[in-house]
């Protein structure tokens, strides 16, 4: 049952209206059955519960491509990710959790987020974490491969894990509205479903980058703002094989020298940044089961590589594996 305080919080957040938020399907089950369902749907945890005999909960998992939409309700408990539950060889996932009822305390990276209805947070499967829920807990979690956030050369979650964000009007509300809509309609999306979820996760990445920027220390730097615009421009034009420093500089009304100076403090040249972003997009496509039959050369051309042999060399240098090896490892 949702408390009056939680109902008031939900009323202040249009994204949490009853018709938008799916409820878990199926009967409530005892503690052991519920923990197994969480491990199958989200991640492996070490669980604690003060009164396991009185505990009941329900979990429903709607998978779409390599993304899981998980709705859960339960009583008070704790869940721990630590050395006993984090496997070195498992692929890295992100878990985005939206609080709908009750309270959740999420700890990771020496931060603690206290989530009440209308707040959300993200955590990293590869790092230790502790989650402690109140009674009357209800949430929607989105588990997705970390590669959707890009950032192979920096940490896209730096400074924002275990941080409470408000699902307020603006980009957060719009993104969650789309995520919850996908959750409600997973079974009816048909062959376009995987493409839809990838597009929405691109917006999740934009939202998280925006949250990182808002929490960055110090006053706004015009050079940083220009760098973000240039990076966005690069992402929008990766399919153009002619994309290069001269064209990027002209599009932003700066000299090529100024553009190179802008990137000098990032650890990348302009060309190496373009190359890294192209490889990241190719990695995502190679790991997509719906694109299993698309030739590697066609995927490379889709992201601006004009030569299959050159792409193979670049990919091996960047990832340590050939495109074929990466695809086989990702798809099994």
Protein backbone atom coordinates (compact mmCIF):
# COMPACT_ATOMS: atom_id res chain seq x y z
CA UNK A 1 0.00 0.00 0.00
CA UNK A 2 1.32 3.45 -0.94
CA UNK A 3 1.46 5.98 1.92
CA UNK A 4 -0.15 9.41 1.68
CA UNK A 5 3.29 11.02 1.68
CA UNK A 6 4.32 8.85 -1.25
CA UNK A 7 1.06 9.65 -3.04
CA UNK A 8 1.79 13.36 -2.61
CA UNK A 9 5.30 12.87 -4.00
CA UNK A 10 3.88 11.00 -6.98
CA UNK A 11 1.37 13.75 -7.65
CA UNK A 12 4.27 16.19 -7.96
CA UNK A 13 5.92 13.99 -10.59
CA UNK A 14 3.68 13.47 -13.64
CA UNK A 15 5.86 10.60 -14.85
CA UNK A 16 4.72 8.57 -11.83
CA UNK A 17 0.97 8.67 -12.51
CA UNK A 18 -0.66 5.27 -12.08
CA UNK A 19 -1.39 4.72 -15.76
CA UNK A 20 2.30 5.18 -16.68
CA UNK A 21 3.95 2.88 -14.17
CA UNK A 22 3.55 -0.88 -14.71
CA UNK A 23 3.03 -2.98 -11.60
CA UNK A 24 4.85 -6.27 -11.19
CA UNK A 25 2.94 -9.25 -12.53
CA UNK A 26 2.38 -12.47 -10.64
CA UNK A 27 1.73 -13.47 -7.01
CA UNK A 28 3.81 -12.30 -4.08
CA UNK A 29 6.34 -14.95 -3.04
CA UNK A 30 8.52 -15.76 -0.03
CA UNK A 31 12.03 -14.42 0.54
CA UNK A 32 14.08 -17.19 -1.08
CA UNK A 33 11.99 -17.31 -4.23
CA UNK A 34 12.05 -13.51 -4.51
CA UNK A 35 15.84 -13.27 -4.16
CA UNK A 36 16.32 -15.86 -6.92
CA UNK A 37 14.00 -13.84 -9.17
CA UNK A 38 16.03 -10.67 -8.49
CA UNK A 39 19.29 -12.46 -9.34
CA UNK A 40 17.82 -13.74 -12.64
CA UNK A 41 16.44 -10.33 -13.58
CA UNK A 42 18.97 -7.81 -12.25
CA UNK A 43 22.24 -8.99 -10.66
CA UNK A 44 23.65 -11.44 -8.13
CA UNK A 45 23.48 -10.08 -4.58
CA UNK A 46 24.10 -11.26 -1.05
CA UNK A 47 20.77 -10.63 0.71
CA UNK A 48 19.92 -9.86 4.33
CA UNK A 49 16.44 -9.77 5.86
CA UNK A 50 15.54 -9.29 9.53
CA UNK A 51 12.28 -11.24 9.23
CA UNK A 52 12.56 -13.58 6.25
CA UNK A 53 9.54 -15.58 7.39
CA UNK A 54 7.31 -12.51 7.15
CA UNK A 55 8.81 -11.21 3.90
CA UNK A 56 6.86 -11.24 0.65
CA UNK A 57 7.65 -9.67 -2.69
CA UNK A 58 7.04 -9.84 -6.41
CA UNK A 59 9.38 -9.28 -9.38
CA UNK A 60 8.52 -9.14 -13.07
CA UNK A 61 11.11 -8.90 -15.83
CA UNK A 62 10.37 -7.69 -19.36
CA UNK A 63 13.50 -8.24 -21.49
CA UNK A 64 13.94 -6.39 -24.77
CA UNK A 65 17.10 -7.19 -26.77
CA UNK A 66 19.87 -6.89 -24.17
CA UNK A 67 17.94 -4.57 -21.83
CA UNK A 68 15.80 -5.66 -18.88
CA UNK A 69 12.81 -3.72 -17.57
CA UNK A 70 12.28 -4.95 -14.02
CA UNK A 71 9.39 -3.99 -11.74
CA UNK A 72 9.45 -5.06 -8.11
CA UNK A 73 7.57 -4.71 -4.85
CA UNK A 74 8.74 -6.11 -1.51
CA UNK A 75 9.32 -5.64 2.18
CA UNK A 76 12.37 -4.43 4.08
CA UNK A 77 15.68 -6.06 3.12
CA UNK A 78 19.32 -5.38 2.22
CA UNK A 79 21.25 -6.45 -0.89
CA UNK A 80 25.03 -6.37 -1.23
CA UNK A 81 27.32 -6.50 -4.27
CA UNK A 82 30.80 -7.47 -3.10
CA UNK A 83 33.65 -9.87 -3.80
CA UNK A 84 31.35 -12.85 -3.23
CA UNK A 85 28.87 -11.78 -5.91
CA UNK A 86 30.89 -9.80 -8.48
CA UNK A 87 32.39 -12.14 -11.07
CA UNK A 88 35.50 -10.86 -12.81
CA UNK A 89 34.44 -12.23 -16.20
CA UNK A 90 30.84 -10.97 -16.25
CA UNK A 91 29.96 -8.14 -18.64
CA UNK A 92 29.52 -4.73 -16.98
CA UNK A 93 25.97 -3.50 -16.55
CA UNK A 94 24.37 -0.29 -15.34
CA UNK A 95 21.19 -0.37 -13.28
CA UNK A 96 18.98 2.70 -13.37
CA UNK A 97 16.39 2.57 -10.58
CA UNK A 98 13.31 4.79 -10.19
CA UNK A 99 11.71 4.87 -6.74
CA UNK A 100 7.92 4.56 -6.76
CA UNK A 101 7.05 3.82 -3.13
CA UNK A 102 8.87 3.49 0.17
CA UNK A 103 12.56 4.36 0.48
CA UNK A 104 15.86 2.99 -0.80
CA UNK A 105 19.35 3.75 0.50
CA UNK A 106 21.93 3.07 -2.23
CA UNK A 107 25.66 3.19 -1.41
CA UNK A 108 28.50 3.04 -3.96
CA UNK A 109 31.77 4.90 -4.55
CA UNK A 110 31.71 6.40 -1.02
CA UNK A 111 28.35 8.07 -1.71
CA UNK A 112 24.89 7.31 -0.33
CA UNK A 113 21.68 8.21 -2.17
CA UNK A 114 18.39 8.20 -0.29
CA UNK A 115 15.64 7.60 -2.81
CA UNK A 116 12.03 8.53 -2.14
CA UNK A 117 9.22 8.42 -4.73
CA UNK A 118 10.10 10.58 -7.72
CA UNK A 119 13.86 10.16 -7.36
CA UNK A 120 16.15 7.89 -9.34
CA UNK A 121 19.79 6.78 -9.25
CA UNK A 122 22.25 4.61 -11.15
CA UNK A 123 24.82 2.08 -10.02
CA UNK A 124 27.58 0.05 -11.65
CA UNK A 125 27.52 -3.77 -11.54
CA UNK A 126 31.33 -3.97 -11.53
CA UNK A 127 31.73 -2.11 -8.22
CA UNK A 128 30.71 -2.95 -4.64
CA UNK A 129 27.31 -1.57 -3.69
CA UNK A 130 24.78 -1.84 -0.88
CA UNK A 131 21.03 -1.33 -1.26
CA UNK A 132 18.73 -1.14 1.78
CA UNK A 133 14.98 -0.85 1.28
CA UNK A 134 12.16 0.12 3.60
CA UNK A 135 8.86 -1.70 3.85
CA UNK A 136 6.36 -0.84 1.11
CA UNK A 137 9.24 -0.76 -1.41
CA UNK A 138 8.33 -0.45 -5.06
CA UNK A 139 10.61 0.44 -7.98
CA UNK A 140 11.23 0.13 -11.69
CA UNK A 141 14.78 -0.81 -12.67
CA UNK A 142 16.37 -0.66 -16.11
CA UNK A 143 19.39 -2.95 -16.50
CA UNK A 144 21.47 -2.35 -19.60
CA UNK A 145 25.03 -3.06 -20.81
CA UNK A 146 27.42 -0.31 -19.81
CA UNK A 147 28.65 0.03 -23.42
CA UNK A 148 25.47 2.01 -24.18
CA UNK A 149 27.02 4.92 -22.30
CA UNK A 150 30.22 4.88 -24.36
CA UNK A 151 33.24 6.23 -22.52
CA UNK A 152 35.76 3.44 -23.03
CA UNK A 153 38.54 5.94 -22.32
CA UNK A 154 36.90 7.67 -19.37
CA UNK A 155 34.27 6.71 -16.79
CA UNK A 156 30.77 7.81 -17.93
CA UNK A 157 29.50 7.20 -14.38
CA UNK A 158 32.20 9.21 -12.62
CA UNK A 159 30.67 11.29 -9.86
CA UNK A 160 27.06 10.22 -10.44
CA UNK A 161 26.73 6.66 -9.07
CA UNK A 162 24.67 6.51 -5.88
CA UNK A 163 23.44 10.05 -6.47
CA UNK A 164 19.77 10.97 -6.15
CA UNK A 165 18.30 12.72 -9.19
CA UNK A 166 14.85 14.26 -9.37
CA UNK A 167 12.50 12.94 -12.05
CA UNK A 168 11.32 16.51 -12.57
CA UNK A 169 9.90 18.19 -15.68
CA UNK A 170 12.54 18.52 -18.36
CA UNK A 171 14.92 15.92 -19.73
CA UNK A 172 14.69 13.46 -16.79
CA UNK A 173 10.90 13.37 -16.92
CA UNK A 174 10.89 13.01 -20.71
CA UNK A 175 13.43 10.17 -20.65
CA UNK A 176 11.63 8.27 -17.89
CA UNK A 177 8.31 8.76 -19.66
CA UNK A 178 9.79 6.97 -22.68
CA UNK A 179 11.42 4.24 -20.58
CA UNK A 180 8.16 3.49 -18.79
CA UNK A 181 6.28 3.53 -22.08
CA UNK A 182 8.71 0.93 -23.48
CA UNK A 183 8.24 -1.08 -20.29
CA UNK A 184 4.45 -1.10 -20.71
CA UNK A 185 4.61 -2.04 -24.37
CA UNK A 186 7.51 -4.51 -24.59
CA UNK A 187 5.31 -7.37 -25.79
CA UNK A 188 3.69 -5.36 -28.58
CA UNK A 189 6.65 -3.46 -30.05
CA UNK A 190 7.47 -6.15 -32.61
CA UNK A 191 10.66 -6.06 -34.69
CA UNK A 192 11.15 -2.33 -34.07
CA UNK A 193 11.44 -2.83 -30.32
CA UNK A 194 15.25 -3.27 -30.13
CA UNK A 195 15.80 -0.18 -32.29
CA UNK A 196 13.42 1.83 -30.08
CA UNK A 197 15.16 0.80 -26.88
CA UNK A 198 18.60 1.65 -28.29
CA UNK A 199 17.35 5.12 -29.27
CA UNK A 200 15.94 5.75 -25.79
CA UNK A 201 19.17 4.56 -24.17
CA UNK A 202 21.02 7.12 -26.29
CA UNK A 203 18.81 9.70 -24.54
CA UNK A 204 19.60 8.10 -21.17
CA UNK A 205 23.29 8.68 -21.95
CA UNK A 206 22.54 12.32 -22.82
CA UNK A 207 20.59 12.75 -19.56
CA UNK A 208 23.42 11.29 -17.49
CA UNK A 209 26.02 13.44 -19.22
CA UNK A 210 23.86 16.47 -18.44
CA UNK A 211 23.66 15.44 -14.79
CA UNK A 212 27.46 15.00 -14.69
CA UNK A 213 27.89 18.48 -16.14
CA UNK A 214 25.55 20.09 -13.64
CA UNK A 215 27.57 18.58 -10.79
CA UNK A 216 30.97 19.52 -12.14
CA UNK A 217 32.93 21.78 -9.84
CA UNK A 218 33.62 25.37 -10.71
CA UNK A 219 31.93 27.91 -13.00
CA UNK A 220 30.86 27.08 -16.55
CA UNK A 221 33.79 27.10 -18.98
CA UNK A 222 33.02 28.28 -22.54
CA UNK A 223 35.74 25.97 -23.84
CA UNK A 224 34.08 23.00 -22.17
CA UNK A 225 30.73 24.03 -23.65
CA UNK A 226 32.32 24.22 -27.11
CA UNK A 227 33.97 20.84 -26.60
CA UNK A 228 30.59 19.28 -25.75
CA UNK A 229 29.04 20.81 -28.88
CA UNK A 230 31.89 19.47 -31.00
CA UNK A 231 31.53 16.01 -29.49
CA UNK A 232 27.79 16.05 -30.16
CA UNK A 233 28.49 17.13 -33.75
CA UNK A 234 30.94 14.25 -34.18
CA UNK A 235 28.35 11.76 -32.93
CA UNK A 236 25.77 13.12 -35.36
CA UNK A 237 28.13 12.81 -38.36
CA UNK A 238 30.00 9.58 -37.67
CA UNK A 239 28.48 7.95 -40.76
CA UNK A 240 30.15 10.54 -42.99
CA UNK A 241 33.50 9.10 -44.17
CA UNK A 242 34.69 12.66 -44.90
CA UNK A 243 34.25 13.76 -41.27
CA UNK A 244 37.50 15.38 -40.17
CA UNK A 245 39.07 18.31 -38.30
CA UNK A 246 38.73 20.84 -41.12
CA UNK A 247 35.00 20.32 -41.56
CA UNK A 248 34.36 20.24 -37.83
CA UNK A 249 36.29 23.47 -37.30
CA UNK A 250 34.38 25.20 -40.11
CA UNK A 251 31.02 24.05 -38.71
CA UNK A 252 31.87 25.65 -35.37
CA UNK A 253 33.48 28.82 -36.73
CA UNK A 254 36.90 28.11 -35.23
CA UNK A 255 40.29 27.53 -36.82
CA UNK A 256 41.65 23.98 -37.14
CA UNK A 257 44.45 25.00 -34.77
CA UNK A 258 41.93 26.14 -32.15
CA UNK A 259 40.06 22.86 -32.54
CA UNK A 260 43.22 20.84 -31.98
CA UNK A 261 44.06 22.96 -28.92
CA UNK A 262 40.56 22.30 -27.59
CA UNK A 263 41.19 18.56 -27.65
CA UNK A 264 44.77 18.78 -26.37
CA UNK A 265 43.72 18.55 -22.72
CA UNK A 266 41.41 15.57 -23.29
CA UNK A 267 44.10 13.05 -24.13
CA UNK A 268 42.73 12.70 -27.66
CA UNK A 269 43.43 14.28 -31.00
CA UNK A 270 40.36 15.16 -33.06
CA UNK A 271 41.03 12.20 -35.35
CA UNK A 272 41.54 9.74 -32.50
CA UNK A 273 38.28 10.88 -30.87
CA UNK A 274 36.37 10.29 -34.12
CA UNK A 275 38.00 6.89 -34.45
CA UNK A 276 37.19 5.91 -30.86
CA UNK A 277 33.54 6.91 -31.23
CA UNK A 278 33.22 4.97 -34.48
CA UNK A 279 34.67 1.87 -32.83
CA UNK A 280 32.22 2.23 -29.92
CA UNK A 281 29.25 2.35 -32.32
CA UNK A 282 30.59 -0.66 -34.20
CA UNK A 283 31.00 -2.56 -30.92
CA UNK A 284 27.37 -1.90 -30.09
CA UNK A 285 26.19 -3.13 -33.49
CA UNK A 286 28.43 -6.21 -33.41
CA UNK A 287 26.88 -7.17 -30.05
CA UNK A 288 23.31 -6.69 -31.33
CA UNK A 289 21.61 -10.07 -31.94
CA UNK A 290 19.30 -8.48 -34.52
CA UNK A 291 22.34 -7.53 -36.62
CA UNK A 292 23.98 -10.95 -36.38
CA UNK A 293 23.59 -11.60 -40.12
CA UNK A 294 24.81 -8.16 -41.24
CA UNK A 295 28.39 -8.43 -42.59
CA UNK A 296 31.10 -6.78 -40.53
CA UNK A 297 32.10 -4.66 -43.52
CA UNK A 298 28.55 -3.28 -43.80
CA UNK A 299 28.50 -2.31 -40.11
CA UNK A 300 31.89 -0.63 -40.48
CA UNK A 301 30.69 1.34 -43.52
CA UNK A 302 27.60 2.39 -41.58
CA UNK A 303 29.87 4.30 -39.19
CA UNK A 304 32.21 5.87 -41.71
CA UNK A 305 34.91 3.26 -42.22
CA UNK A 306 35.64 3.07 -45.95
CA UNK A 307 37.88 -0.01 -45.88
CA UNK A 308 37.08 -3.33 -44.19
CA UNK A 309 40.78 -4.12 -43.73
CA UNK A 310 41.48 -0.71 -42.18
CA UNK A 311 38.49 -1.14 -39.88
CA UNK A 312 39.78 -4.55 -38.78
CA UNK A 313 43.18 -3.09 -37.95
CA UNK A 314 41.70 -0.15 -36.02
CA UNK A 315 39.24 -2.36 -34.13
CA UNK A 316 41.93 -4.84 -33.10
CA UNK A 317 44.21 -2.03 -31.94
CA UNK A 318 41.42 -0.39 -29.90
CA UNK A 319 39.82 -3.50 -28.38
CA UNK A 320 42.44 -6.23 -28.53
CA UNK A 321 40.11 -8.45 -30.57
CA UNK A 322 39.11 -8.73 -34.20
CA UNK A 323 35.54 -7.70 -35.08
CA UNK A 324 34.67 -11.39 -35.65
CA UNK A 325 36.08 -12.39 -32.26
CA UNK A 326 34.24 -9.57 -30.50
CA UNK A 327 30.94 -10.54 -32.19
CA UNK A 328 31.38 -14.20 -31.27
CA UNK A 329 32.21 -13.39 -27.64
CA UNK A 330 29.24 -11.01 -27.37
CA UNK A 331 26.61 -13.19 -29.02
CA UNK A 332 27.85 -16.62 -27.95
